[in-house]
N, C-alpha and C. Protein backbone atom coordinates (compact mmCIF):
# COMPACT_ATOMS: atom_id res chain seq x y z
N MET A 1 -85.04 51.39 55.92
CA MET A 1 -86.39 51.62 55.47
C MET A 1 -86.71 53.09 55.01
N GLN A 2 -87.27 53.40 54.21
CA GLN A 2 -87.60 54.78 53.79
C GLN A 2 -88.93 54.84 53.85
N MET A 3 -89.54 56.10 54.34
CA MET A 3 -90.81 56.63 54.65
C MET A 3 -91.09 57.52 53.57
N TRP A 4 -92.30 57.48 52.99
CA TRP A 4 -92.79 58.57 52.14
C TRP A 4 -93.65 59.43 52.94
N LEU A 5 -93.48 60.55 53.08
CA LEU A 5 -94.44 61.73 53.57
C LEU A 5 -94.71 62.82 52.69
N PRO A 6 -95.85 63.21 52.59
CA PRO A 6 -95.97 64.34 51.40
C PRO A 6 -95.52 65.47 51.82
N ALA A 7 -94.96 66.51 50.82
CA ALA A 7 -94.42 67.63 51.32
C ALA A 7 -95.28 68.76 51.43
N SER A 8 -95.09 69.63 52.32
CA SER A 8 -96.08 70.75 52.70
C SER A 8 -95.56 71.84 51.24
N PRO A 9 -96.65 72.94 51.09
CA PRO A 9 -96.42 73.71 50.02
C PRO A 9 -95.00 74.53 50.00
N GLY A 10 -94.45 74.73 51.30
CA GLY A 10 -93.43 75.31 51.26
C GLY A 10 -91.95 74.51 51.35
N GLY A 11 -92.44 73.06 50.67
CA GLY A 11 -91.10 72.04 50.75
C GLY A 11 -90.77 71.53 51.97
N LEU A 12 -91.19 71.86 53.09
CA LEU A 12 -91.12 71.39 54.45
C LEU A 12 -92.01 70.39 54.99
N LEU A 13 -91.62 69.47 55.61
CA LEU A 13 -92.70 68.56 56.39
C LEU A 13 -92.66 68.90 57.89
N SER A 14 -93.86 69.32 58.20
CA SER A 14 -94.19 69.82 59.75
C SER A 14 -95.28 68.87 60.32
N TYR A 15 -94.85 67.89 61.24
CA TYR A 15 -95.81 67.01 61.61
C TYR A 15 -95.44 66.90 63.35
N LEU A 16 -96.57 67.23 63.97
CA LEU A 16 -96.41 66.64 65.40
C LEU A 16 -96.72 65.38 65.51
N VAL A 17 -95.54 64.53 65.68
CA VAL A 17 -95.59 63.41 65.80
C VAL A 17 -95.74 62.72 67.34
N THR A 18 -96.87 61.88 67.20
CA THR A 18 -96.97 61.24 68.65
C THR A 18 -96.59 59.96 68.67
N LEU A 19 -96.05 59.34 69.83
CA LEU A 19 -95.72 57.83 70.15
C LEU A 19 -96.87 57.42 70.44
N HIS A 20 -97.47 56.44 69.85
CA HIS A 20 -98.56 55.47 70.51
C HIS A 20 -98.10 54.11 70.77
N VAL A 21 -98.29 53.74 72.06
CA VAL A 21 -97.64 52.44 72.37
C VAL A 21 -99.14 51.71 72.67
N LEU A 22 -99.33 50.43 72.28
CA LEU A 22 -100.15 49.63 72.56
C LEU A 22 -99.42 48.35 73.34
N GLN A 23 -100.21 48.22 74.74
CA GLN A 23 -99.94 47.10 75.50
C GLN A 23 -101.36 46.64 76.26
N LEU A 24 -101.27 45.44 76.21
CA LEU A 24 -102.42 44.66 76.89
C LEU A 24 -102.13 44.60 78.44
N GLY A 25 -103.17 45.12 79.29
CA GLY A 25 -102.90 44.99 80.82
C GLY A 25 -102.57 46.54 81.05
N SER A 26 -102.28 46.60 82.36
CA SER A 26 -101.73 47.99 82.57
C SER A 26 -100.46 48.41 82.59
N ALA A 27 -100.27 49.64 82.26
CA ALA A 27 -98.69 50.12 81.98
C ALA A 27 -98.12 50.77 83.26
N ASP A 28 -97.19 50.58 83.69
CA ASP A 28 -96.68 51.01 84.99
C ASP A 28 -95.09 51.96 84.30
N PHE A 29 -95.41 52.65 83.12
CA PHE A 29 -94.56 53.56 82.54
C PHE A 29 -95.36 54.60 81.67
N ARG A 30 -94.49 55.44 81.57
CA ARG A 30 -94.80 56.65 80.41
C ARG A 30 -93.85 56.67 79.32
N VAL A 31 -94.33 57.14 77.91
CA VAL A 31 -93.68 57.19 76.84
C VAL A 31 -93.20 58.88 76.97
N VAL A 32 -92.17 59.33 76.70
CA VAL A 32 -91.69 60.50 76.78
C VAL A 32 -91.22 60.73 75.16
N GLY A 33 -91.54 61.52 74.60
CA GLY A 33 -91.10 62.23 73.11
C GLY A 33 -91.19 63.71 73.17
N PRO A 34 -90.72 64.11 71.84
CA PRO A 34 -90.65 65.62 71.74
C PRO A 34 -92.07 66.23 71.95
N ASP A 35 -91.76 67.55 72.65
CA ASP A 35 -92.91 68.43 72.72
C ASP A 35 -93.10 69.49 71.49
N HIS A 36 -92.53 69.24 70.43
CA HIS A 36 -92.32 70.08 69.24
C HIS A 36 -92.66 69.55 68.13
N THR A 37 -92.95 70.33 66.97
CA THR A 37 -93.25 69.72 65.45
C THR A 37 -91.82 69.43 65.31
N LEU A 38 -91.69 68.05 64.64
CA LEU A 38 -90.57 67.86 63.93
C LEU A 38 -90.61 68.27 62.02
N CYS A 39 -89.59 68.94 61.85
CA CYS A 39 -89.79 69.51 60.25
C CYS A 39 -88.43 68.99 59.61
N VAL A 40 -88.68 68.26 58.34
CA VAL A 40 -87.77 67.82 57.70
C VAL A 40 -87.95 68.00 56.23
N THR A 41 -86.75 68.42 55.37
CA THR A 41 -87.02 68.55 53.85
C THR A 41 -87.34 67.37 53.21
N MET A 42 -88.14 67.38 52.32
CA MET A 42 -88.35 66.24 51.47
C MET A 42 -87.05 65.37 51.11
N GLY A 43 -87.16 63.93 51.40
CA GLY A 43 -86.02 63.20 51.06
C GLY A 43 -84.91 63.11 52.14
N GLN A 44 -85.10 63.89 53.06
CA GLN A 44 -83.99 63.79 54.27
C GLN A 44 -84.55 62.83 55.15
N GLY A 45 -83.70 62.38 55.93
CA GLY A 45 -83.94 61.30 57.10
C GLY A 45 -84.19 62.36 58.21
N VAL A 46 -84.83 61.38 59.38
CA VAL A 46 -85.24 62.01 60.41
C VAL A 46 -85.36 61.24 61.52
N VAL A 47 -84.93 61.79 62.69
CA VAL A 47 -84.79 60.64 64.04
C VAL A 47 -86.14 60.90 64.65
N LEU A 48 -86.83 59.88 65.11
CA LEU A 48 -88.19 60.23 65.80
C LEU A 48 -88.25 59.62 67.29
N PRO A 49 -87.43 60.75 68.06
CA PRO A 49 -86.97 60.45 69.54
C PRO A 49 -87.89 60.08 70.48
N CYS A 50 -87.68 59.32 71.30
CA CYS A 50 -88.54 59.03 72.30
C CYS A 50 -87.85 57.67 73.51
N HIS A 51 -88.45 57.69 74.56
CA HIS A 51 -87.85 56.66 75.48
C HIS A 51 -88.93 56.32 76.45
N LEU A 52 -88.86 55.35 77.25
CA LEU A 52 -89.77 54.81 78.19
C LEU A 52 -89.42 55.17 79.45
N SER A 53 -90.15 55.75 80.38
CA SER A 53 -89.60 56.05 81.99
C SER A 53 -90.90 55.41 82.85
N PRO A 54 -90.10 54.56 83.80
CA PRO A 54 -88.83 54.58 83.90
C PRO A 54 -88.46 53.41 82.61
N SER A 55 -87.13 53.10 82.46
CA SER A 55 -86.57 52.29 81.19
C SER A 55 -87.02 51.14 81.53
N VAL A 56 -87.73 50.49 80.47
CA VAL A 56 -88.32 48.80 80.48
C VAL A 56 -88.12 48.66 79.02
N ASP A 57 -88.19 47.08 79.11
CA ASP A 57 -87.86 46.68 77.70
C ASP A 57 -89.31 46.42 76.67
N ALA A 58 -89.06 47.19 75.56
CA ALA A 58 -90.23 47.65 74.74
C ALA A 58 -90.18 46.56 73.62
N ARG A 59 -89.42 45.32 73.50
CA ARG A 59 -89.29 44.56 72.45
C ARG A 59 -90.77 43.89 72.36
N SER A 60 -91.62 43.69 73.30
CA SER A 60 -92.93 43.01 73.32
C SER A 60 -94.07 43.88 72.98
N LEU A 61 -93.82 45.14 72.76
CA LEU A 61 -94.64 46.28 72.81
C LEU A 61 -94.99 46.78 71.10
N ASP A 62 -96.16 47.13 70.64
CA ASP A 62 -96.41 47.60 69.47
C ASP A 62 -96.32 49.07 69.66
N ILE A 63 -95.08 49.63 68.70
CA ILE A 63 -94.89 51.02 68.85
C ILE A 63 -94.95 51.78 67.57
N ARG A 64 -95.94 52.84 67.61
CA ARG A 64 -96.42 53.19 66.23
C ARG A 64 -96.12 54.96 66.38
N TRP A 65 -95.26 55.67 65.37
CA TRP A 65 -95.52 57.12 65.48
C TRP A 65 -96.44 57.34 64.49
N ILE A 66 -97.55 58.20 64.94
CA ILE A 66 -98.62 58.44 64.13
C ILE A 66 -98.91 60.02 63.86
N ARG A 67 -99.54 60.53 62.98
CA ARG A 67 -99.73 61.80 62.74
C ARG A 67 -100.79 62.32 63.69
N ARG A 68 -100.82 63.43 63.93
CA ARG A 68 -101.81 64.16 65.03
C ARG A 68 -103.30 63.74 64.79
N SER A 69 -103.81 63.23 63.81
CA SER A 69 -105.26 62.99 63.76
C SER A 69 -105.33 61.37 64.01
N PHE A 70 -104.33 60.63 64.44
CA PHE A 70 -104.37 59.10 64.76
C PHE A 70 -104.57 58.49 63.72
N SER A 71 -104.97 58.88 62.26
CA SER A 71 -105.56 58.22 61.37
C SER A 71 -104.20 57.66 60.46
N GLU A 72 -103.15 57.81 60.58
CA GLU A 72 -102.13 57.61 59.77
C GLU A 72 -100.98 57.36 60.20
N THR A 73 -100.35 56.04 59.99
CA THR A 73 -99.23 55.71 60.78
C THR A 73 -98.08 56.26 60.15
N VAL A 74 -97.05 56.79 60.49
CA VAL A 74 -95.81 57.27 60.07
C VAL A 74 -94.74 56.37 59.93
N HIS A 75 -94.52 55.78 61.19
CA HIS A 75 -93.63 54.56 61.21
C HIS A 75 -94.09 53.51 62.33
N HIS A 76 -94.06 52.19 62.15
CA HIS A 76 -94.55 51.20 63.04
C HIS A 76 -93.40 50.08 63.12
N TYR A 77 -92.86 49.78 64.41
CA TYR A 77 -92.16 48.71 64.55
C TYR A 77 -92.53 47.63 65.89
């Protein structure tokens, strides 16, 4: 799967990506992701790292990487 992200003027992408997890009911876990901006050159791949603590099965969850403004999804699975 390829994602299209607009390039910044300097040719680098710089996004603070936040993992957004939606689940009905209460959640007894937390989402752990990077606390820094992820930068990638246009056309390169990027790994969007995260994990759940404690480790739980996320197959039934709606998981989205979104931009800081929460209005645009970067990746959804």
